[in-house]
Amino acid sequence: MLFITTANVLDNIPPPLRDRMEVLELPGYTEEEKLKIAKEHLVAKQIANHGLTPESVTFTDEGLRLVIRGYTREAGVRNLEREIASLCRKIARRRAEGQDAPVTITRDVVIELLGAPRFLDEEMEERTKNPGVAIGMAWTPVGGEVLFIEASRMQGSGSLTLTGHLGDVMKESARAALSWFRAHASQYQVDPDFFKASEIHIHVPSGAIPKDGPSAGVTMAVALASELTGRPVRGDLAMTGEITLSGRVLPVGGIKEKVLAARRLGIKEVVLPRQNDKDVKEDLSDELRKDLTIHLVSTIDEALLLALTPPSSAHRERRPGSRVQGTIQ
């Protein structure tokens, strides 16, 4: 007998049962794929379900894109179909009240009917204009997510504070990032004894959401180096990867989902572990890599070279679109 089941995460499946399962991992849809599914299947289905006709309601591409970006955050299209159904219900109610004029679903109409978007794109350059903030990429059960990791230094007695509802793995990554930078501080013109009279605070916002996994080490190291050197991190670049005390960057999973999340928010360049080169070639289509520069790195030094603004611009306001010289791809 054959049983087929679906799950968002494998962690909750008992190991003895998982050993007897054949696991097939299905990546999330791209925005273009969601748009095509909506136009070819979901819209027509919901129009028919609500007693409407294609002549009475028309969905524009810009309207559907806003629903995808502003009202849903998922790997699939289940919530997208719910939001399209909600729009159709509101149009059907209007027609029942005597408003028979055809309706075109544009961006303005979507906002009018569904309210303000629940998910707003972050202003990357604004968030990273000050030192100590780096953009990371994380995997979640509903697809990839972009997160900001913040580091701050203050007077203290050599302690490290971690906040943001972090799991054990991310806490270990933060400690490893701090230890690595302490060992290489002089290389970045920072006093090697800086930690003796300092307290370091690393924070990952959205603290009510549990966060864990071996993919934030590079981002934490970059945020920490940015704070201690006074050099802001580029606002058009996101990164992922785990680190070792020797400064190596280790491979991580969920590459496609993470890149999708970064691309959705307008990130122009991403930093990935060099050992994920195979995943880049196999999982990222030409469409996903269009207008996106992918850098593969093996060490923290390479990541810092890409992420930090040049020292000469560290103490003046950055201009959008700045680039680090000596990019390693």
C-alpha atoms as a PDB file:
ATOM      1  CA  MET A   1       0.000   0.000   0.000  1.00  0.00           C
ATOM      2  CA  LEU A   2       1.247   3.470  -0.895  1.00  0.00           C
ATOM      3  CA  PHE A   3       0.615   6.597   1.179  1.00  0.00           C
ATOM      4  CA  ILE A   4       1.283  10.094  -0.136  1.00  0.00           C
ATOM      5  CA  THR A   5       1.378  13.077   2.216  1.00  0.00           C
ATOM      6  CA  THR A   6       2.599  16.669   2.189  1.00  0.00           C
ATOM      7  CA  ALA A   7       4.365  18.778   4.806  1.00  0.00           C
ATOM      8  CA  ASN A   8       5.901  22.214   5.083  1.00  0.00           C
ATOM      9  CA  VAL A   9       8.784  21.115   7.322  1.00  0.00           C
ATOM     10  CA  LEU A  10      10.465  17.777   8.031  1.00  0.00           C
ATOM     11  CA  ASP A  11      11.615  18.574  11.559  1.00  0.00           C
ATOM     12  CA  ASN A  12       8.366  17.442  13.181  1.00  0.00           C
ATOM     13  CA  ILE A  13       8.346  14.035  11.472  1.00  0.00           C
ATOM     14  CA  PRO A  14       9.691  11.295  13.808  1.00  0.00           C
ATOM     15  CA  PRO A  15      13.077  10.042  12.545  1.00  0.00           C
ATOM     16  CA  PRO A  16      11.987   6.345  12.345  1.00  0.00           C
ATOM     17  CA  LEU A  17       9.101   7.349  10.067  1.00  0.00           C
ATOM     18  CA  ARG A  18      11.264   9.692   8.000  1.00  0.00           C
ATOM     19  CA  ASP A  19      13.761   6.889   7.371  1.00  0.00           C
ATOM     20  CA  ARG A  20      10.977   4.905   5.710  1.00  0.00           C
ATOM     21  CA  MET A  21       9.798   7.764   3.516  1.00  0.00           C
ATOM     22  CA  GLU A  22      10.866   8.883   0.080  1.00  0.00           C
ATOM     23  CA  VAL A  23      11.049  12.673   0.408  1.00  0.00           C
ATOM     24  CA  LEU A  24      10.516  14.856  -2.650  1.00  0.00           C
ATOM     25  CA  GLU A  25      11.275  18.545  -2.087  1.00  0.00           C
ATOM     26  CA  LEU A  26       9.287  20.944  -4.250  1.00  0.00           C
ATOM     27  CA  PRO A  27      10.593  24.539  -4.450  1.00  0.00           C
ATOM     28  CA  GLY A  28       8.267  27.512  -4.359  1.00  0.00           C
ATOM     29  CA  TYR A  29       6.907  29.315  -7.387  1.00  0.00           C
ATOM     30  CA  THR A  30       8.539  32.402  -8.798  1.00  0.00           C
ATOM     31  CA  GLU A  31       6.496  35.586  -9.105  1.00  0.00           C
ATOM     32  CA  GLU A  32       6.174  35.077 -12.846  1.00  0.00           C
ATOM     33  CA  GLU A  33       4.955  31.519 -12.303  1.00  0.00           C
ATOM     34  CA  LYS A  34       2.374  32.708  -9.757  1.00  0.00           C
ATOM     35  CA  LEU A  35       1.187  35.389 -12.167  1.00  0.00           C
ATOM     36  CA  LYS A  36       0.794  32.850 -14.956  1.00  0.00           C
ATOM     37  CA  ILE A  37      -1.074  30.390 -12.695  1.00  0.00           C
ATOM     38  CA  ALA A  38      -3.396  33.167 -11.569  1.00  0.00           C
ATOM     39  CA  LYS A  39      -4.149  34.339 -15.121  1.00  0.00           C
ATOM     40  CA  GLU A  40      -4.629  30.875 -16.594  1.00  0.00           C
ATOM     41  CA  HIS A  41      -6.398  29.095 -13.732  1.00  0.00           C
ATOM     42  CA  LEU A  42      -7.218  30.937 -10.498  1.00  0.00           C
ATOM     43  CA  VAL A  43      -8.935  34.022 -11.903  1.00  0.00           C
ATOM     44  CA  ALA A  44     -11.241  32.090 -14.235  1.00  0.00           C
ATOM     45  CA  LYS A  45     -12.094  29.612 -11.476  1.00  0.00           C
ATOM     46  CA  GLN A  46     -13.037  32.286  -8.945  1.00  0.00           C
ATOM     47  CA  ILE A  47     -14.960  34.365 -11.479  1.00  0.00           C
ATOM     48  CA  ALA A  48     -17.103  31.324 -12.256  1.00  0.00           C
ATOM     49  CA  ASN A  49     -17.462  30.374  -8.575  1.00  0.00           C
ATOM     50  CA  HIS A  50     -18.896  33.798  -7.750  1.00  0.00           C
ATOM     51  CA  GLY A  51     -21.402  33.995 -10.585  1.00  0.00           C
ATOM     52  CA  LEU A  52     -19.429  36.571 -12.550  1.00  0.00           C
ATOM     53  CA  THR A  53     -18.370  36.637 -16.180  1.00  0.00           C
ATOM     54  CA  PRO A  54     -15.052  37.593 -17.816  1.00  0.00           C
ATOM     55  CA  GLU A  55     -16.842  40.624 -19.277  1.00  0.00           C
ATOM     56  CA  SER A  56     -17.939  41.884 -15.838  1.00  0.00           C
ATOM     57  CA  VAL A  57     -14.514  41.762 -14.158  1.00  0.00           C
ATOM     58  CA  THR A  58     -11.026  41.947 -15.630  1.00  0.00           C
ATOM     59  CA  PHE A  59      -7.778  41.431 -13.701  1.00  0.00           C
ATOM     60  CA  THR A  60      -4.751  43.406 -14.872  1.00  0.00           C
ATOM     61  CA  ASP A  61      -1.212  42.122 -14.490  1.00  0.00           C
ATOM     62  CA  GLU A  62      -0.289  45.026 -12.210  1.00  0.00           C
ATOM     63  CA  GLY A  63      -3.269  44.274  -9.982  1.00  0.00           C
ATOM     64  CA  LEU A  64      -2.341  40.599  -9.672  1.00  0.00           C
ATOM     65  CA  ARG A  65       1.296  41.466  -8.980  1.00  0.00           C
ATOM     66  CA  LEU A  66       0.239  43.704  -6.124  1.00  0.00           C
ATOM     67  CA  VAL A  67      -1.856  40.872  -4.651  1.00  0.00           C
ATOM     68  CA  ILE A  68       1.128  38.514  -4.966  1.00  0.00           C
ATOM     69  CA  ARG A  69       3.611  40.958  -3.409  1.00  0.00           C
ATOM     70  CA  GLY A  70       1.497  42.863  -0.928  1.00  0.00           C
ATOM     71  CA  TYR A  71      -1.072  40.402   0.375  1.00  0.00           C
ATOM     72  CA  THR A  72       0.557  36.960   0.259  1.00  0.00           C
ATOM     73  CA  ARG A  73       3.876  35.550   1.425  1.00  0.00           C
ATOM     74  CA  GLU A  74       3.938  31.875   0.507  1.00  0.00           C
ATOM     75  CA  ALA A  75       5.758  29.291  -1.549  1.00  0.00           C
ATOM     76  CA  GLY A  76       2.545  28.161  -3.266  1.00  0.00           C
ATOM     77  CA  VAL A  77      -0.622  29.911  -4.419  1.00  0.00           C
ATOM     78  CA  ARG A  78      -3.222  28.924  -1.807  1.00  0.00           C
ATOM     79  CA  ASN A  79      -3.453  32.356  -0.202  1.00  0.00           C
ATOM     80  CA  LEU A  80      -3.241  34.011  -3.602  1.00  0.00           C
ATOM     81  CA  GLU A  81      -6.400  32.149  -4.626  1.00  0.00           C
ATOM     82  CA  ARG A  82      -8.093  33.255  -1.385  1.00  0.00           C
ATOM     83  CA  GLU A  83      -7.306  36.906  -2.078  1.00  0.00           C
ATOM     84  CA  ILE A  84      -8.560  36.625  -5.664  1.00  0.00           C
ATOM     85  CA  ALA A  85     -11.732  35.013  -4.286  1.00  0.00           C
ATOM     86  CA  SER A  86     -12.107  37.908  -1.842  1.00  0.00           C
ATOM     87  CA  LEU A  87     -11.896  40.404  -4.701  1.00  0.00           C
ATOM     88  CA  CYS A  88     -14.506  38.467  -6.665  1.00  0.00           C
ATOM     89  CA  ARG A  89     -16.852  38.349  -3.661  1.00  0.00           C
ATOM     90  CA  LYS A  90     -16.679  42.103  -3.264  1.00  0.00           C
ATOM     91  CA  ILE A  91     -17.358  42.638  -6.970  1.00  0.00           C
ATOM     92  CA  ALA A  92     -20.281  40.180  -6.826  1.00  0.00           C
ATOM     93  CA  ARG A  93     -21.736  42.086  -3.872  1.00  0.00           C
ATOM     94  CA  ARG A  94     -21.511  45.354  -5.765  1.00  0.00           C
ATOM     95  CA  ARG A  95     -23.366  43.829  -8.701  1.00  0.00           C
ATOM     96  CA  ALA A  96     -26.022  42.473  -6.343  1.00  0.00           C
ATOM     97  CA  GLU A  97     -26.462  46.030  -5.057  1.00  0.00           C
ATOM     98  CA  GLY A  98     -27.115  47.281  -8.573  1.00  0.00           C
ATOM     99  CA  GLN A  99     -23.638  48.403  -9.678  1.00  0.00           C
ATOM    100  CA  ASP A 100     -23.525  46.602 -13.031  1.00  0.00           C
ATOM    101  CA  ALA A 101     -20.635  48.480 -14.644  1.00  0.00           C
ATOM    102  CA  PRO A 102     -17.666  46.275 -15.643  1.00  0.00           C
ATOM    103  CA  VAL A 103     -14.770  46.415 -13.177  1.00  0.00           C
ATOM    104  CA  THR A 104     -11.075  46.375 -14.038  1.00  0.00           C
ATOM    105  CA  ILE A 105      -8.909  45.196 -11.148  1.00  0.00           C
ATOM    106  CA  THR A 106      -5.967  47.608 -11.088  1.00  0.00           C
ATOM    107  CA  ARG A 107      -3.564  48.381  -8.247  1.00  0.00           C
ATOM    108  CA  ASP A 108      -5.848  51.134  -6.943  1.00  0.00           C
ATOM    109  CA  VAL A 109      -8.898  48.860  -7.031  1.00  0.00           C
ATOM    110  CA  VAL A 110      -7.005  46.112  -5.172  1.00  0.00           C
ATOM    111  CA  ILE A 111      -6.119  48.551  -2.378  1.00  0.00           C
ATOM    112  CA  GLU A 112      -9.677  49.883  -2.318  1.00  0.00           C
ATOM    113  CA  LEU A 113     -11.192  46.403  -1.945  1.00  0.00           C
ATOM    114  CA  LEU A 114      -8.569  44.616   0.167  1.00  0.00           C
ATOM    115  CA  GLY A 115      -7.273  47.547   2.198  1.00  0.00           C
ATOM    116  CA  ALA A 116      -3.646  48.574   2.624  1.00  0.00           C
ATOM    117  CA  PRO A 117      -1.086  45.894   1.665  1.00  0.00           C
ATOM    118  CA  ARG A 118      -0.139  43.692   4.592  1.00  0.00           C
ATOM    119  CA  PHE A 119       3.429  43.222   3.377  1.00  0.00           C
ATOM    120  CA  LEU A 120       5.415  46.312   2.443  1.00  0.00           C
ATOM    121  CA  ASP A 121       8.757  46.172   0.665  1.00  0.00           C
ATOM    122  CA  GLU A 122      11.568  47.347   2.897  1.00  0.00           C
ATOM    123  CA  GLU A 123      13.562  50.390   1.854  1.00  0.00           C
ATOM    124  CA  MET A 124      16.915  48.636   1.661  1.00  0.00           C
ATOM    125  CA  GLU A 125      19.113  51.691   1.278  1.00  0.00           C
ATOM    126  CA  GLU A 126      17.336  53.435   4.153  1.00  0.00           C
ATOM    127  CA  ARG A 127      17.755  50.484   6.516  1.00  0.00           C
ATOM    128  CA  THR A 128      21.461  50.015   5.782  1.00  0.00           C
ATOM    129  CA  LYS A 129      22.660  53.616   5.518  1.00  0.00           C
ATOM    130  CA  ASN A 130      24.118  53.436   9.044  1.00  0.00           C
ATOM    131  CA  PRO A 131      26.865  50.984  10.007  1.00  0.00           C
ATOM    132  CA  GLY A 132      25.910  47.756  11.754  1.00  0.00           C
ATOM    133  CA  VAL A 133      22.986  46.571   9.606  1.00  0.00           C
ATOM    134  CA  ALA A 134      23.285  43.755   7.050  1.00  0.00           C
ATOM    135  CA  ILE A 135      20.691  42.073   4.838  1.00  0.00           C
ATOM    136  CA  GLY A 136      20.426  38.314   5.151  1.00  0.00           C
ATOM    137  CA  MET A 137      18.338  35.649   3.453  1.00  0.00           C
ATOM    138  CA  ALA A 138      16.528  32.910   5.334  1.00  0.00           C
ATOM    139  CA  TRP A 139      14.399  29.880   4.501  1.00  0.00           C
ATOM    140  CA  THR A 140      10.941  29.483   6.044  1.00  0.00           C
ATOM    141  CA  PRO A 141       8.179  26.872   5.579  1.00  0.00           C
ATOM    142  CA  VAL A 142       6.319  29.366   3.361  1.00  0.00           C
ATOM    143  CA  GLY A 143       9.280  30.275   1.180  1.00  0.00           C
ATOM    144  CA  GLY A 144      12.311  32.516   1.463  1.00  0.00           C
ATOM    145  CA  GLU A 145      12.504  35.656   3.542  1.00  0.00           C
ATOM    146  CA  VAL A 146      14.819  38.647   3.731  1.00  0.00           C
ATOM    147  CA  LEU A 147      15.835  39.667   7.238  1.00  0.00           C
ATOM    148  CA  PHE A 148      17.913  42.461   8.703  1.00  0.00           C
ATOM    149  CA  ILE A 149      20.590  41.679  11.261  1.00  0.00           C
ATOM    150  CA  GLU A 150      21.738  44.569  13.414  1.00  0.00           C
ATOM    151  CA  ALA A 151      24.889  44.892  15.501  1.00  0.00           C
ATOM    152  CA  SER A 152      25.650  47.584  18.037  1.00  0.00           C
ATOM    153  CA  ARG A 153      28.656  48.364  20.195  1.00  0.00           C
ATOM    154  CA  MET A 154      28.525  50.180  23.520  1.00  0.00           C
ATOM    155  CA  GLN A 155      30.671  50.547  26.609  1.00  0.00           C
ATOM    156  CA  GLY A 156      30.657  47.464  28.766  1.00  0.00           C
ATOM    157  CA  SER A 157      32.727  44.654  30.175  1.00  0.00           C
ATOM    158  CA  GLY A 158      33.222  42.235  27.310  1.00  0.00           C
ATOM    159  CA  SER A 159      29.787  40.668  26.933  1.00  0.00           C
ATOM    160  CA  LEU A 160      27.652  39.571  24.007  1.00  0.00           C
ATOM    161  CA  THR A 161      23.874  40.127  24.010  1.00  0.00           C
ATOM    162  CA  LEU A 162      21.647  38.316  21.506  1.00  0.00           C
ATOM    163  CA  THR A 163      17.996  39.210  20.982  1.00  0.00           C
ATOM    164  CA  GLY A 164      15.296  38.364  18.486  1.00  0.00           C
ATOM    165  CA  HIS A 165      13.941  34.968  19.607  1.00  0.00           C
ATOM    166  CA  LEU A 166      16.998  33.141  18.217  1.00  0.00           C
ATOM    167  CA  GLY A 167      17.507  29.403  18.301  1.00  0.00           C
ATOM    168  CA  ASP A 168      20.677  27.662  19.458  1.00  0.00           C
ATOM    169  CA  VAL A 169      22.181  27.441  15.967  1.00  0.00           C
ATOM    170  CA  MET A 170      21.900  31.193  15.321  1.00  0.00           C
ATOM    171  CA  LYS A 171      23.309  31.953  18.765  1.00  0.00           C
ATOM    172  CA  GLU A 172      26.328  29.795  17.941  1.00  0.00           C
ATOM    173  CA  SER A 173      26.725  31.611  14.629  1.00  0.00           C
ATOM    174  CA  ALA A 174      26.773  34.969  16.426  1.00  0.00           C
ATOM    175  CA  ARG A 175      29.439  33.804  18.874  1.00  0.00           C
ATOM    176  CA  ALA A 176      31.520  32.382  16.025  1.00  0.00           C
ATOM    177  CA  ALA A 177      31.252  35.674  14.101  1.00  0.00           C
ATOM    178  CA  LEU A 178      32.437  37.655  17.121  1.00  0.00           C
ATOM    179  CA  SER A 179      35.333  35.282  17.803  1.00  0.00           C
ATOM    180  CA  TRP A 180      36.459  35.395  14.186  1.00  0.00           C
ATOM    181  CA  PHE A 181      36.436  39.186  14.077  1.00  0.00           C
ATOM    182  CA  ARG A 182      38.311  39.481  17.366  1.00  0.00           C
ATOM    183  CA  ALA A 183      41.033  37.288  15.877  1.00  0.00           C
ATOM    184  CA  HIS A 184      41.207  39.410  12.705  1.00  0.00           C
ATOM    185  CA  ALA A 185      40.417  42.871  14.075  1.00  0.00           C
ATOM    186  CA  SER A 186      43.804  44.378  13.233  1.00  0.00           C
ATOM    187  CA  GLN A 187      43.329  43.363   9.592  1.00  0.00           C
ATOM    188  CA  TYR A 188      40.374  45.785   9.478  1.00  0.00           C
ATOM    189  CA  GLN A 189      42.087  48.602  11.407  1.00  0.00           C
ATOM    190  CA  VAL A 190      40.222  47.840  14.641  1.00  0.00           C
ATOM    191  CA  ASP A 191      41.933  47.624  18.041  1.00  0.00           C
ATOM    192  CA  PRO A 192      42.292  43.873  18.824  1.00  0.00           C
ATOM    193  CA  ASP A 193      41.419  44.645  22.456  1.00  0.00           C
ATOM    194  CA  PHE A 194      38.131  46.346  21.572  1.00  0.00           C
ATOM    195  CA  PHE A 195      36.079  43.683  23.359  1.00  0.00           C
ATOM    196  CA  LYS A 196      37.627  44.262  26.773  1.00  0.00           C
ATOM    197  CA  ALA A 197      35.688  47.478  27.342  1.00  0.00           C
ATOM    198  CA  SER A 198      32.774  46.889  25.003  1.00  0.00           C
ATOM    199  CA  GLU A 199      29.430  45.193  24.983  1.00  0.00           C
ATOM    200  CA  ILE A 200      28.253  43.817  21.645  1.00  0.00           C
ATOM    201  CA  HIS A 201      24.544  43.521  20.955  1.00  0.00           C
ATOM    202  CA  ILE A 202      23.317  41.529  17.937  1.00  0.00           C
ATOM    203  CA  HIS A 203      19.612  41.789  17.177  1.00  0.00           C
ATOM    204  CA  VAL A 204      17.354  40.212  14.574  1.00  0.00           C
ATOM    205  CA  PRO A 205      14.076  42.199  14.348  1.00  0.00           C
ATOM    206  CA  SER A 206      10.626  40.584  14.291  1.00  0.00           C
ATOM    207  CA  GLY A 207      11.466  39.137  17.663  1.00  0.00           C
ATOM    208  CA  ALA A 208       8.107  37.413  18.115  1.00  0.00           C
ATOM    209  CA  ILE A 209       8.947  35.036  15.261  1.00  0.00           C
ATOM    210  CA  PRO A 210      11.258  32.125  16.218  1.00  0.00           C
ATOM    211  CA  LYS A 211      14.348  32.068  14.019  1.00  0.00           C
ATOM    212  CA  ASP A 212      16.972  29.374  13.731  1.00  0.00           C
ATOM    213  CA  GLY A 213      19.104  27.614  11.171  1.00  0.00           C
ATOM    214  CA  PRO A 214      22.668  27.528   9.851  1.00  0.00           C
ATOM    215  CA  SER A 215      22.450  30.336   7.315  1.00  0.00           C
ATOM    216  CA  ALA A 216      22.957  33.611   9.190  1.00  0.00           C
ATOM    217  CA  GLY A 217      26.626  33.335  10.126  1.00  0.00           C
ATOM    218  CA  VAL A 218      27.911  35.412   7.200  1.00  0.00           C
ATOM    219  CA  THR A 219      25.279  38.105   7.733  1.00  0.00           C
ATOM    220  CA  MET A 220      26.119  38.356  11.429  1.00  0.00           C
ATOM    221  CA  ALA A 221      29.836  38.623  10.677  1.00  0.00           C
ATOM    222  CA  VAL A 222      29.219  41.377   8.117  1.00  0.00           C
ATOM    223  CA  ALA A 223      26.902  43.331  10.448  1.00  0.00           C
ATOM    224  CA  LEU A 224      29.455  43.067  13.251  1.00  0.00           C
ATOM    225  CA  ALA A 225      32.355  44.136  11.032  1.00  0.00           C
ATOM    226  CA  SER A 226      30.286  47.034   9.705  1.00  0.00           C
ATOM    227  CA  GLU A 227      29.563  48.328  13.217  1.00  0.00           C
ATOM    228  CA  LEU A 228      33.149  48.019  14.429  1.00  0.00           C
ATOM    229  CA  THR A 229      34.766  49.528  11.315  1.00  0.00           C
ATOM    230  CA  GLY A 230      32.143  52.248  10.807  1.00  0.00           C
ATOM    231  CA  ARG A 231      31.651  51.153   7.193  1.00  0.00           C
ATOM    232  CA  PRO A 232      27.978  50.745   6.158  1.00  0.00           C
ATOM    233  CA  VAL A 233      26.825  47.653   4.298  1.00  0.00           C
ATOM    234  CA  ARG A 234      25.593  48.009   0.731  1.00  0.00           C
ATOM    235  CA  GLY A 235      21.814  48.252   0.555  1.00  0.00           C
ATOM    236  CA  ASP A 236      21.460  46.393  -2.742  1.00  0.00           C
ATOM    237  CA  LEU A 237      23.166  43.201  -1.596  1.00  0.00           C
ATOM    238  CA  ALA A 238      21.883  40.261   0.489  1.00  0.00           C
ATOM    239  CA  MET A 239      23.769  37.214   1.732  1.00  0.00           C
ATOM    240  CA  THR A 240      23.481  33.764   3.251  1.00  0.00           C
ATOM    241  CA  GLY A 241      25.918  31.150   4.503  1.00  0.00           C
ATOM    242  CA  GLU A 242      27.277  29.597   7.671  1.00  0.00           C
ATOM    243  CA  ILE A 243      30.790  30.290   8.949  1.00  0.00           C
ATOM    244  CA  THR A 244      33.571  28.563  10.855  1.00  0.00           C
ATOM    245  CA  LEU A 245      36.048  29.986  13.351  1.00  0.00           C
ATOM    246  CA  SER A 246      38.730  29.754  10.688  1.00  0.00           C
ATOM    247  CA  GLY A 247      36.712  32.055   8.431  1.00  0.00           C
ATOM    248  CA  ARG A 248      35.345  29.528   5.961  1.00  0.00           C
ATOM    249  CA  VAL A 249      31.871  29.992   4.476  1.00  0.00           C
ATOM    250  CA  LEU A 250      29.866  26.763   4.504  1.00  0.00           C
ATOM    251  CA  PRO A 251      27.030  25.784   2.140  1.00  0.00           C
ATOM    252  CA  VAL A 252      23.372  26.128   3.126  1.00  0.00           C
ATOM    253  CA  GLY A 253      20.017  24.964   1.782  1.00  0.00           C
ATOM    254  CA  GLY A 254      16.999  26.693   0.326  1.00  0.00           C
ATOM    255  CA  ILE A 255      18.989  28.651  -2.266  1.00  0.00           C
ATOM    256  CA  LYS A 256      16.119  29.075  -4.724  1.00  0.00           C
ATOM    257  CA  GLU A 257      13.655  30.247  -2.063  1.00  0.00           C
ATOM    258  CA  LYS A 258      16.166  32.720  -0.634  1.00  0.00           C
ATOM    259  CA  VAL A 259      17.066  34.174  -4.020  1.00  0.00           C
ATOM    260  CA  LEU A 260      13.366  34.517  -4.849  1.00  0.00           C
ATOM    261  CA  ALA A 261      12.823  36.509  -1.653  1.00  0.00           C
ATOM    262  CA  ALA A 262      15.768  38.801  -2.378  1.00  0.00           C
ATOM    263  CA  ARG A 263      14.684  39.349  -5.963  1.00  0.00           C
ATOM    264  CA  ARG A 264      11.147  40.138  -4.861  1.00  0.00           C
ATOM    265  CA  LEU A 265      12.416  43.009  -2.701  1.00  0.00           C
ATOM    266  CA  GLY A 266      14.604  44.525  -5.382  1.00  0.00           C
ATOM    267  CA  ILE A 267      17.996  43.153  -4.295  1.00  0.00           C
ATOM    268  CA  LYS A 268      20.484  43.464  -7.146  1.00  0.00           C
ATOM    269  CA  GLU A 269      23.278  41.195  -5.885  1.00  0.00           C
ATOM    270  CA  VAL A 270      23.478  38.171  -3.589  1.00  0.00           C
ATOM    271  CA  VAL A 271      26.405  36.501  -1.849  1.00  0.00           C
ATOM    272  CA  LEU A 272      26.259  32.703  -1.637  1.00  0.00           C
ATOM    273  CA  PRO A 273      28.725  30.037  -0.445  1.00  0.00           C
ATOM    274  CA  ARG A 274      30.949  28.780  -3.240  1.00  0.00           C
ATOM    275  CA  GLN A 275      29.959  25.199  -2.437  1.00  0.00           C
ATOM    276  CA  ASN A 276      26.396  26.077  -3.422  1.00  0.00           C
ATOM    277  CA  ASP A 277      27.513  26.569  -7.016  1.00  0.00           C
ATOM    278  CA  LYS A 278      25.768  23.320  -7.974  1.00  0.00           C
ATOM    279  CA  ASP A 279      22.474  24.559  -6.501  1.00  0.00           C
ATOM    280  CA  VAL A 280      22.798  27.825  -8.409  1.00  0.00           C
ATOM    281  CA  LYS A 281      23.244  26.000 -11.711  1.00  0.00           C
ATOM    282  CA  GLU A 282      20.517  23.414 -11.081  1.00  0.00           C
ATOM    283  CA  ASP A 283      17.838  25.403  -9.231  1.00  0.00           C
ATOM    284  CA  LEU A 284      18.110  28.948 -10.575  1.00  0.00           C
ATOM    285  CA  SER A 285      16.770  29.376 -14.078  1.00  0.00           C
ATOM    286  CA  ASP A 286      17.924  32.064 -16.478  1.00  0.00           C
ATOM    287  CA  GLU A 287      14.761  33.982 -15.592  1.00  0.00           C
ATOM    288  CA  LEU A 288      15.665  34.020 -11.895  1.00  0.00           C
ATOM    289  CA  ARG A 289      19.224  35.109 -12.602  1.00  0.00           C
ATOM    290  CA  LYS A 290      18.132  37.911 -14.919  1.00  0.00           C
ATOM    291  CA  ASP A 291      19.033  41.337 -13.500  1.00  0.00           C
ATOM    292  CA  LEU A 292      20.687  39.610 -10.533  1.00  0.00           C
ATOM    293  CA  THR A 293      24.417  39.254  -9.885  1.00  0.00           C
ATOM    294  CA  ILE A 294      25.421  36.171  -7.886  1.00  0.00           C
ATOM    295  CA  HIS A 295      28.758  36.157  -6.043  1.00  0.00           C
ATOM    296  CA  LEU A 296      30.188  32.884  -4.750  1.00  0.00           C
ATOM    297  CA  VAL A 297      32.574  33.197  -1.794  1.00  0.00           C
ATOM    298  CA  SER A 298      34.681  30.781   0.215  1.00  0.00           C
ATOM    299  CA  THR A 299      35.768  33.005   3.112  1.00  0.00           C
ATOM    300  CA  ILE A 300      34.406  35.753   5.321  1.00  0.00           C
ATOM    301  CA  ASP A 301      37.066  38.113   3.947  1.00  0.00           C
ATOM    302  CA  GLU A 302      35.608  37.741   0.449  1.00  0.00           C
ATOM    303  CA  ALA A 303      32.105  38.433   1.758  1.00  0.00           C
ATOM    304  CA  LEU A 304      33.292  41.562   3.583  1.00  0.00           C
ATOM    305  CA  LEU A 305      35.062  42.816   0.470  1.00  0.00           C
ATOM    306  CA  LEU A 306      31.772  42.604  -1.397  1.00  0.00           C
ATOM    307  CA  ALA A 307      29.447  43.851   1.340  1.00  0.00           C
ATOM    308  CA  LEU A 308      31.203  46.768   3.057  1.00  0.00           C
ATOM    309  CA  THR A 309      31.467  50.181   1.462  1.00  0.00           C
ATOM    310  CA  PRO A 310      35.025  51.395   0.842  1.00  0.00           C
ATOM    311  CA  PRO A 311      36.750  52.997   3.859  1.00  0.00           C
ATOM    312  CA  SER A 312      36.881  56.370   2.101  1.00  0.00           C
ATOM    313  CA  SER A 313      33.080  56.565   2.093  1.00  0.00           C
ATOM    314  CA  ALA A 314      32.493  55.117   5.539  1.00  0.00           C
ATOM    315  CA  HIS A 315      31.863  58.425   7.252  1.00  0.00           C
ATOM    316  CA  ARG A 316      29.751  60.175   4.657  1.00  0.00           C
ATOM    317  CA  GLU A 317      26.262  59.474   3.466  1.00  0.00           C
ATOM    318  CA  ARG A 318      26.142  56.688   0.905  1.00  0.00           C
ATOM    319  CA  ARG A 319      24.570  57.106  -2.469  1.00  0.00           C
ATOM    320  CA  PRO A 320      22.220  54.416  -3.812  1.00  0.00           C
ATOM    321  CA  GLY A 321      23.872  52.041  -6.224  1.00  0.00           C
ATOM    322  CA  SER A 322      27.368  52.269  -4.740  1.00  0.00           C
ATOM    323  CA  ARG A 323      29.656  49.380  -5.589  1.00  0.00           C
ATOM    324  CA  VAL A 324      32.578  47.778  -3.823  1.00  0.00           C
ATOM    325  CA  GLN A 325      35.729  47.617  -5.899  1.00  0.00           C
ATOM    326  CA  GLY A 326      37.391  44.266  -6.427  1.00  0.00           C
ATOM    327  CA  THR A 327      34.182  42.179  -6.615  1.00  0.00           C
ATOM    328  CA  ILE A 328      34.813  38.451  -6.460  1.00  0.00           C
ATOM    329  CA  GLN A 329      32.310  36.300  -8.337  1.00  0.00           C
END
